[in-house]
N, C-alpha and C. Protein backbone atom coordinates (compact mmCIF):
# COMPACT_ATOMS: atom_id res chain seq x y z
N MET A 1 71.06 12.36 101.83
CA MET A 1 72.43 12.49 102.29
C MET A 1 73.22 11.31 101.72
N ASN A 2 74.47 11.62 101.31
CA ASN A 2 75.35 10.60 100.75
C ASN A 2 76.13 9.94 101.88
N THR A 3 75.78 8.71 102.23
CA THR A 3 76.47 7.99 103.32
C THR A 3 77.59 7.12 102.78
N ALA A 4 77.75 7.04 101.47
CA ALA A 4 78.79 6.19 100.88
C ALA A 4 80.14 6.91 100.82
N LYS A 5 80.16 8.22 101.05
CA LYS A 5 81.40 8.96 100.98
C LYS A 5 82.35 8.50 102.09
N VAL A 6 83.63 8.42 101.77
CA VAL A 6 84.63 7.95 102.73
C VAL A 6 85.35 9.16 103.32
N TYR A 7 85.48 9.18 104.65
CA TYR A 7 86.18 10.23 105.39
C TYR A 7 87.39 9.62 106.06
N LYS A 8 88.28 10.47 106.56
CA LYS A 8 89.43 9.99 107.34
C LYS A 8 89.39 10.65 108.71
N ASP A 9 89.59 9.85 109.75
CA ASP A 9 89.59 10.41 111.11
C ASP A 9 90.95 11.02 111.41
N MET A 10 91.17 11.46 112.66
CA MET A 10 92.40 12.15 113.05
C MET A 10 93.64 11.28 112.86
N GLU A 11 93.48 9.96 112.94
CA GLU A 11 94.63 9.06 112.76
C GLU A 11 94.81 8.66 111.30
N GLY A 12 93.92 9.13 110.38
CA GLY A 12 94.05 8.80 108.97
C GLY A 12 93.31 7.56 108.56
N ASN A 13 92.51 7.00 109.46
CA ASN A 13 91.73 5.80 109.14
C ASN A 13 90.47 6.18 108.36
N GLU A 14 90.14 5.36 107.36
CA GLU A 14 88.93 5.61 106.59
C GLU A 14 87.71 5.20 107.41
N CYS A 15 86.64 6.00 107.28
CA CYS A 15 85.41 5.69 108.01
C CYS A 15 84.23 6.38 107.33
N THR A 16 83.02 6.01 107.72
CA THR A 16 81.81 6.63 107.16
C THR A 16 81.49 7.89 107.96
N ILE A 17 80.53 8.58 107.50
CA ILE A 17 80.13 9.79 108.21
C ILE A 17 79.59 9.45 109.60
N TRP A 18 78.87 8.35 109.72
CA TRP A 18 78.30 7.95 111.02
C TRP A 18 79.41 7.61 112.00
N GLN A 19 80.45 6.98 111.50
CA GLN A 19 81.58 6.66 112.37
C GLN A 19 82.31 7.94 112.80
N MET A 20 82.41 8.91 111.88
CA MET A 20 83.06 10.18 112.22
C MET A 20 82.28 10.91 113.30
N VAL A 21 80.96 10.90 113.20
CA VAL A 21 80.12 11.58 114.19
C VAL A 21 80.33 10.93 115.56
N LYS A 22 80.44 9.60 115.60
CA LYS A 22 80.64 8.90 116.88
C LYS A 22 82.04 9.15 117.44
N LYS A 23 83.05 9.03 116.56
CA LYS A 23 84.43 9.15 117.02
C LYS A 23 84.81 10.60 117.33
N GLU A 24 84.33 11.53 116.53
CA GLU A 24 84.75 12.93 116.68
C GLU A 24 83.53 13.85 116.64
N PRO A 25 82.78 13.93 117.73
CA PRO A 25 81.58 14.78 117.77
C PRO A 25 81.92 16.27 117.60
N GLU A 26 83.13 16.69 118.04
CA GLU A 26 83.52 18.09 117.85
C GLU A 26 83.63 18.42 116.35
N TRP A 27 84.20 17.48 115.63
CA TRP A 27 84.32 17.66 114.18
C TRP A 27 82.92 17.79 113.56
N ALA A 28 82.00 16.91 113.98
CA ALA A 28 80.64 16.93 113.45
C ALA A 28 79.97 18.27 113.77
N ALA A 29 80.14 18.72 115.01
CA ALA A 29 79.54 20.00 115.41
C ALA A 29 80.14 21.15 114.58
N ASN A 30 81.47 21.10 114.38
CA ASN A 30 82.15 22.12 113.59
C ASN A 30 81.63 22.13 112.16
N ARG A 31 81.45 20.94 111.56
CA ARG A 31 80.95 20.83 110.19
C ARG A 31 79.52 21.35 110.09
N ILE A 32 78.70 21.04 111.10
CA ILE A 32 77.31 21.51 111.11
C ILE A 32 77.28 23.03 111.19
N GLN A 33 78.10 23.60 112.09
CA GLN A 33 78.13 25.06 112.24
C GLN A 33 78.68 25.73 110.97
N ALA A 34 79.70 25.12 110.39
CA ALA A 34 80.24 25.66 109.14
C ALA A 34 79.18 25.62 108.03
N GLY A 35 78.41 24.54 108.01
CA GLY A 35 77.32 24.42 107.04
C GLY A 35 76.25 25.48 107.27
N GLU A 36 75.92 25.69 108.55
CA GLU A 36 74.93 26.72 108.87
C GLU A 36 75.43 28.11 108.47
N ASP A 37 76.72 28.37 108.75
CA ASP A 37 77.30 29.66 108.35
C ASP A 37 77.27 29.82 106.83
N ALA A 38 77.58 28.73 106.14
CA ALA A 38 77.57 28.78 104.67
C ALA A 38 76.15 29.03 104.15
N ILE A 39 75.17 28.40 104.78
CA ILE A 39 73.77 28.61 104.37
C ILE A 39 73.36 30.06 104.63
N ALA A 40 73.76 30.62 105.78
CA ALA A 40 73.44 32.01 106.10
C ALA A 40 74.12 32.95 105.11
N GLU A 41 75.39 32.67 104.80
CA GLU A 41 76.11 33.51 103.84
C GLU A 41 75.46 33.42 102.46
N LEU A 42 75.05 32.22 102.09
CA LEU A 42 74.37 32.03 100.81
C LEU A 42 73.07 32.83 100.76
N ALA A 43 72.31 32.83 101.85
CA ALA A 43 71.07 33.61 101.90
C ALA A 43 71.38 35.11 101.77
N THR A 44 72.45 35.57 102.45
CA THR A 44 72.84 36.98 102.35
C THR A 44 73.24 37.33 100.92
N LEU A 45 74.05 36.45 100.30
CA LEU A 45 74.48 36.70 98.92
C LEU A 45 73.30 36.68 97.95
N ARG A 46 72.33 35.78 98.18
CA ARG A 46 71.15 35.75 97.31
C ARG A 46 70.34 37.04 97.46
N ALA A 47 70.24 37.52 98.70
CA ALA A 47 69.52 38.78 98.94
C ALA A 47 70.23 39.93 98.25
N LYS A 48 71.57 39.97 98.34
CA LYS A 48 72.34 41.02 97.68
C LYS A 48 72.17 40.93 96.17
N LEU A 49 72.22 39.70 95.66
CA LEU A 49 72.05 39.49 94.23
C LEU A 49 70.67 39.98 93.78
N THR A 50 69.65 39.65 94.56
CA THR A 50 68.30 40.10 94.23
C THR A 50 68.24 41.62 94.24
N ASP A 51 68.87 42.24 95.24
CA ASP A 51 68.89 43.70 95.33
C ASP A 51 69.63 44.29 94.13
N GLU A 52 70.77 43.70 93.77
CA GLU A 52 71.54 44.19 92.62
C GLU A 52 70.76 44.00 91.32
N GLU A 53 70.07 42.87 91.22
CA GLU A 53 69.25 42.64 90.02
C GLU A 53 68.14 43.68 89.93
N ARG A 54 67.54 44.01 91.09
CA ARG A 54 66.49 45.04 91.13
C ARG A 54 67.06 46.39 90.71
N LYS A 55 68.25 46.72 91.25
CA LYS A 55 68.90 47.98 90.87
C LYS A 55 69.21 48.00 89.38
N ASN A 56 69.70 46.87 88.89
CA ASN A 56 70.02 46.76 87.47
C ASN A 56 68.76 46.95 86.63
N THR A 57 67.67 46.36 87.05
CA THR A 57 66.40 46.51 86.33
C THR A 57 65.97 47.98 86.35
N ASN A 58 66.09 48.62 87.52
CA ASN A 58 65.73 50.04 87.63
C ASN A 58 66.62 50.90 86.73
N LEU A 59 67.92 50.59 86.71
CA LEU A 59 68.84 51.34 85.84
C LEU A 59 68.49 51.14 84.38
N ARG A 60 68.17 49.89 84.02
CA ARG A 60 67.82 49.60 82.63
C ARG A 60 66.55 50.35 82.25
N HIS A 61 65.55 50.35 83.15
CA HIS A 61 64.32 51.09 82.88
C HIS A 61 64.61 52.59 82.76
N GLY A 62 65.49 53.08 83.63
CA GLY A 62 65.87 54.49 83.57
C GLY A 62 66.54 54.84 82.26
N LEU A 63 67.44 53.98 81.81
CA LEU A 63 68.13 54.20 80.53
C LEU A 63 67.14 54.15 79.37
N GLU A 64 66.21 53.21 79.43
CA GLU A 64 65.22 53.11 78.37
C GLU A 64 64.35 54.37 78.34
N GLU A 65 63.98 54.87 79.51
CA GLU A 65 63.18 56.11 79.59
C GLU A 65 63.98 57.28 79.02
N MET A 66 65.29 57.34 79.36
CA MET A 66 66.12 58.41 78.83
C MET A 66 66.20 58.33 77.30
N GLU A 67 66.30 57.13 76.78
CA GLU A 67 66.35 56.96 75.32
C GLU A 67 65.04 57.42 74.68
N ARG A 68 63.90 57.08 75.34
CA ARG A 68 62.60 57.53 74.82
C ARG A 68 62.51 59.04 74.85
N GLU A 69 62.96 59.65 75.96
CA GLU A 69 62.92 61.11 76.08
C GLU A 69 63.84 61.76 75.04
N LYS A 70 65.02 61.17 74.85
CA LYS A 70 65.96 61.69 73.86
C LYS A 70 65.35 61.62 72.47
N SER A 71 64.71 60.49 72.16
CA SER A 71 64.07 60.32 70.86
C SER A 71 62.93 61.32 70.70
N ALA A 72 62.14 61.51 71.76
CA ALA A 72 61.03 62.46 71.71
C ALA A 72 61.55 63.87 71.51
N ALA A 73 62.64 64.21 72.21
CA ALA A 73 63.23 65.55 72.07
C ALA A 73 63.75 65.75 70.65
N TYR A 74 64.38 64.71 70.11
CA TYR A 74 64.88 64.79 68.74
C TYR A 74 63.72 65.02 67.77
N CYS A 75 62.65 64.23 67.95
CA CYS A 75 61.49 64.37 67.07
C CYS A 75 60.86 65.75 67.23
N LYS A 76 60.79 66.24 68.48
CA LYS A 76 60.23 67.56 68.72
C LYS A 76 61.08 68.61 68.00
N GLY A 77 62.40 68.51 68.17
CA GLY A 77 63.31 69.45 67.49
C GLY A 77 63.18 69.36 65.98
N TYR A 78 63.08 68.15 65.48
CA TYR A 78 62.92 67.95 64.04
C TYR A 78 61.62 68.59 63.58
N ASN A 79 60.52 68.33 64.31
CA ASN A 79 59.22 68.89 63.92
C ASN A 79 59.21 70.41 64.02
N GLU A 80 59.86 70.95 65.07
CA GLU A 80 59.94 72.41 65.19
C GLU A 80 60.76 72.99 64.04
N GLY A 81 61.86 72.34 63.70
CA GLY A 81 62.68 72.79 62.58
C GLY A 81 61.92 72.72 61.27
N LEU A 82 61.18 71.63 61.11
CA LEU A 82 60.39 71.47 59.90
C LEU A 82 59.31 72.55 59.82
N ALA A 83 58.68 72.87 60.94
CA ALA A 83 57.67 73.93 60.96
C ALA A 83 58.31 75.27 60.61
N TYR A 84 59.51 75.52 61.13
CA TYR A 84 60.22 76.77 60.83
C TYR A 84 60.52 76.86 59.33
N VAL A 85 60.99 75.76 58.76
CA VAL A 85 61.32 75.74 57.33
C VAL A 85 60.06 75.95 56.50
N ARG A 86 58.95 75.31 56.91
CA ARG A 86 57.70 75.49 56.17
C ARG A 86 57.22 76.94 56.24
N ALA A 87 57.34 77.54 57.43
CA ALA A 87 56.93 78.95 57.58
C ALA A 87 57.81 79.85 56.71
N ALA A 88 59.11 79.58 56.72
CA ALA A 88 60.04 80.38 55.91
C ALA A 88 59.72 80.20 54.43
N LEU A 89 59.42 78.98 54.03
CA LEU A 89 59.07 78.71 52.63
C LEU A 89 57.78 79.43 52.25
N ALA A 90 56.79 79.43 53.15
CA ALA A 90 55.54 80.14 52.86
C ALA A 90 55.80 81.63 52.72
N GLU A 91 56.65 82.18 53.60
CA GLU A 91 56.98 83.60 53.53
C GLU A 91 57.70 83.92 52.22
N MET A 92 58.66 83.06 51.84
CA MET A 92 59.38 83.28 50.59
C MET A 92 58.44 83.18 49.39
N THR A 93 57.50 82.25 49.45
CA THR A 93 56.54 82.10 48.36
C THR A 93 55.67 83.35 48.24
N GLU A 94 55.24 83.89 49.38
CA GLU A 94 54.43 85.11 49.38
C GLU A 94 55.25 86.28 48.82
N ARG A 95 56.51 86.39 49.23
CA ARG A 95 57.37 87.45 48.71
C ARG A 95 57.55 87.32 47.20
N ALA A 96 57.75 86.08 46.74
CA ALA A 96 57.92 85.83 45.30
C ALA A 96 56.64 86.22 44.55
N ARG A 97 55.47 85.92 45.14
CA ARG A 97 54.20 86.28 44.51
C ARG A 97 54.08 87.79 44.39
N LYS A 98 54.42 88.51 45.49
CA LYS A 98 54.35 89.98 45.46
C LYS A 98 55.35 90.56 44.47
N LEU A 99 56.55 89.97 44.43
CA LEU A 99 57.55 90.44 43.47
C LEU A 99 57.07 90.21 42.05
N GLY A 100 56.43 89.06 41.81
CA GLY A 100 55.87 88.78 40.48
C GLY A 100 54.80 89.79 40.11
N GLU A 101 53.94 90.14 41.09
CA GLU A 101 52.92 91.15 40.82
C GLU A 101 53.57 92.49 40.47
N ALA A 102 54.62 92.85 41.25
CA ALA A 102 55.30 94.12 41.00
C ALA A 102 55.94 94.13 39.62
N LEU A 103 56.60 93.03 39.26
CA LEU A 103 57.23 92.94 37.93
C LEU A 103 56.19 93.00 36.82
N THR A 104 55.06 92.35 37.05
CA THR A 104 53.98 92.40 36.06
C THR A 104 53.48 93.83 35.89
N TYR A 105 53.33 94.53 37.02
CA TYR A 105 52.88 95.92 36.98
C TYR A 105 53.90 96.79 36.23
N ILE A 106 55.18 96.60 36.58
CA ILE A 106 56.24 97.38 35.92
C ILE A 106 56.26 97.09 34.43
N ALA A 107 56.18 95.78 34.09
CA ALA A 107 56.18 95.41 32.68
C ALA A 107 54.98 96.01 31.98
N GLY A 108 53.84 96.01 32.67
CA GLY A 108 52.64 96.61 32.09
C GLY A 108 52.81 98.11 31.91
N SER A 109 53.43 98.75 32.90
CA SER A 109 53.65 100.21 32.81
C SER A 109 54.60 100.52 31.67
N VAL A 110 55.68 99.75 31.58
CA VAL A 110 56.64 99.96 30.49
C VAL A 110 55.96 99.70 29.16
N GLY A 111 55.20 98.65 29.11
CA GLY A 111 54.48 98.33 27.87
C GLY A 111 53.49 99.42 27.51
N ALA A 112 52.80 99.96 28.53
CA ALA A 112 51.84 101.04 28.28
C ALA A 112 52.57 102.29 27.80
N ARG A 113 53.70 102.59 28.42
CA ARG A 113 54.48 103.76 27.98
C ARG A 113 54.97 103.59 26.55
N ASP A 114 55.48 102.36 26.27
CA ASP A 114 55.93 102.10 24.90
C ASP A 114 54.76 102.27 23.92
N HIS A 115 53.60 101.78 24.33
CA HIS A 115 52.41 101.90 23.48
C HIS A 115 52.05 103.39 23.29
N GLU A 116 52.09 104.14 24.40
CA GLU A 116 51.80 105.57 24.33
C GLU A 116 52.82 106.29 23.43
N ARG A 117 54.08 105.94 23.58
CA ARG A 117 55.12 106.55 22.75
C ARG A 117 54.89 106.22 21.27
N ARG A 118 54.55 104.97 21.02
CA ARG A 118 54.32 104.55 19.63
C ARG A 118 53.13 105.33 19.04
N ILE A 119 52.06 105.48 19.83
CA ILE A 119 50.89 106.22 19.36
C ILE A 119 51.26 107.69 19.12
N ALA A 120 52.02 108.24 20.07
CA ALA A 120 52.44 109.66 19.93
C ALA A 120 53.33 109.81 18.70
N ARG A 121 54.26 108.90 18.50
CA ARG A 121 55.15 108.97 17.36
C ARG A 121 54.34 108.84 16.07
N GLU A 122 53.40 107.90 16.03
CA GLU A 122 52.58 107.72 14.84
C GLU A 122 51.72 108.96 14.58
N ALA A 123 51.22 109.54 15.67
CA ALA A 123 50.41 110.77 15.51
C ALA A 123 51.28 111.89 14.97
N LEU A 124 52.50 112.00 15.55
CA LEU A 124 53.43 113.04 15.09
C LEU A 124 53.79 112.82 13.62
N GLU A 125 54.02 111.58 13.26
CA GLU A 125 54.34 111.27 11.87
C GLU A 125 53.16 111.61 10.95
N ALA A 126 51.96 111.30 11.47
CA ALA A 126 50.77 111.59 10.66
C ALA A 126 50.61 113.09 10.46
N ILE A 127 50.83 113.85 11.55
CA ILE A 127 50.72 115.32 11.48
C ILE A 127 51.79 115.86 10.53
N THR A 128 53.02 115.35 10.70
CA THR A 128 54.13 115.77 9.86
C THR A 128 53.84 115.43 8.41
N ALA A 129 53.29 114.31 8.16
CA ALA A 129 52.98 113.87 6.80
C ALA A 129 51.91 114.78 6.21
N ARG A 130 50.95 115.25 6.96
CA ARG A 130 49.90 116.16 6.47
C ARG A 130 50.49 117.50 6.13
N GLU A 131 51.38 117.97 6.97
CA GLU A 131 51.98 119.27 6.74
C GLU A 131 52.84 119.23 5.49
N VAL A 132 53.52 118.08 5.32
CA VAL A 132 54.37 117.96 4.13
C VAL A 132 53.46 117.91 2.90
N VAL A 133 52.33 117.30 2.98
CA VAL A 133 51.42 117.20 1.86
C VAL A 133 50.84 118.59 1.56
N LYS A 134 50.56 119.42 2.55
CA LYS A 134 49.99 120.75 2.36
C LYS A 134 51.00 121.64 1.68
N GLU A 135 52.18 121.53 1.92
CA GLU A 135 53.18 122.42 1.32
C GLU A 135 53.33 122.11 -0.09
């Protein structure tokens, strides 16, 4: 306790705390009660602060959890989208393969027909050439 502090009594005279307690016990009692009230209020405010800090911590944890869930949902959506694109690409690749087979078949058929026509034309020319030679 600081006993060097100077106080003033009701008449304005300077005195120490010990002199104030002797001269004005009501003042001393009032100061003690005010101090006790201040200590009680401080304890209440500390409890409220602790409660608010706890709530703040809970809110922060909740926000962090929401961010993790949001990120997980984004990743899930991304992965599902990627799987969809891969499936679509596989389907398109299969269709392209089948189309290639069909085109190859058609080209082969056209080529075979052209070959058949060429053979028929050559045979016809050969027959025609024999008949012309016989005449």
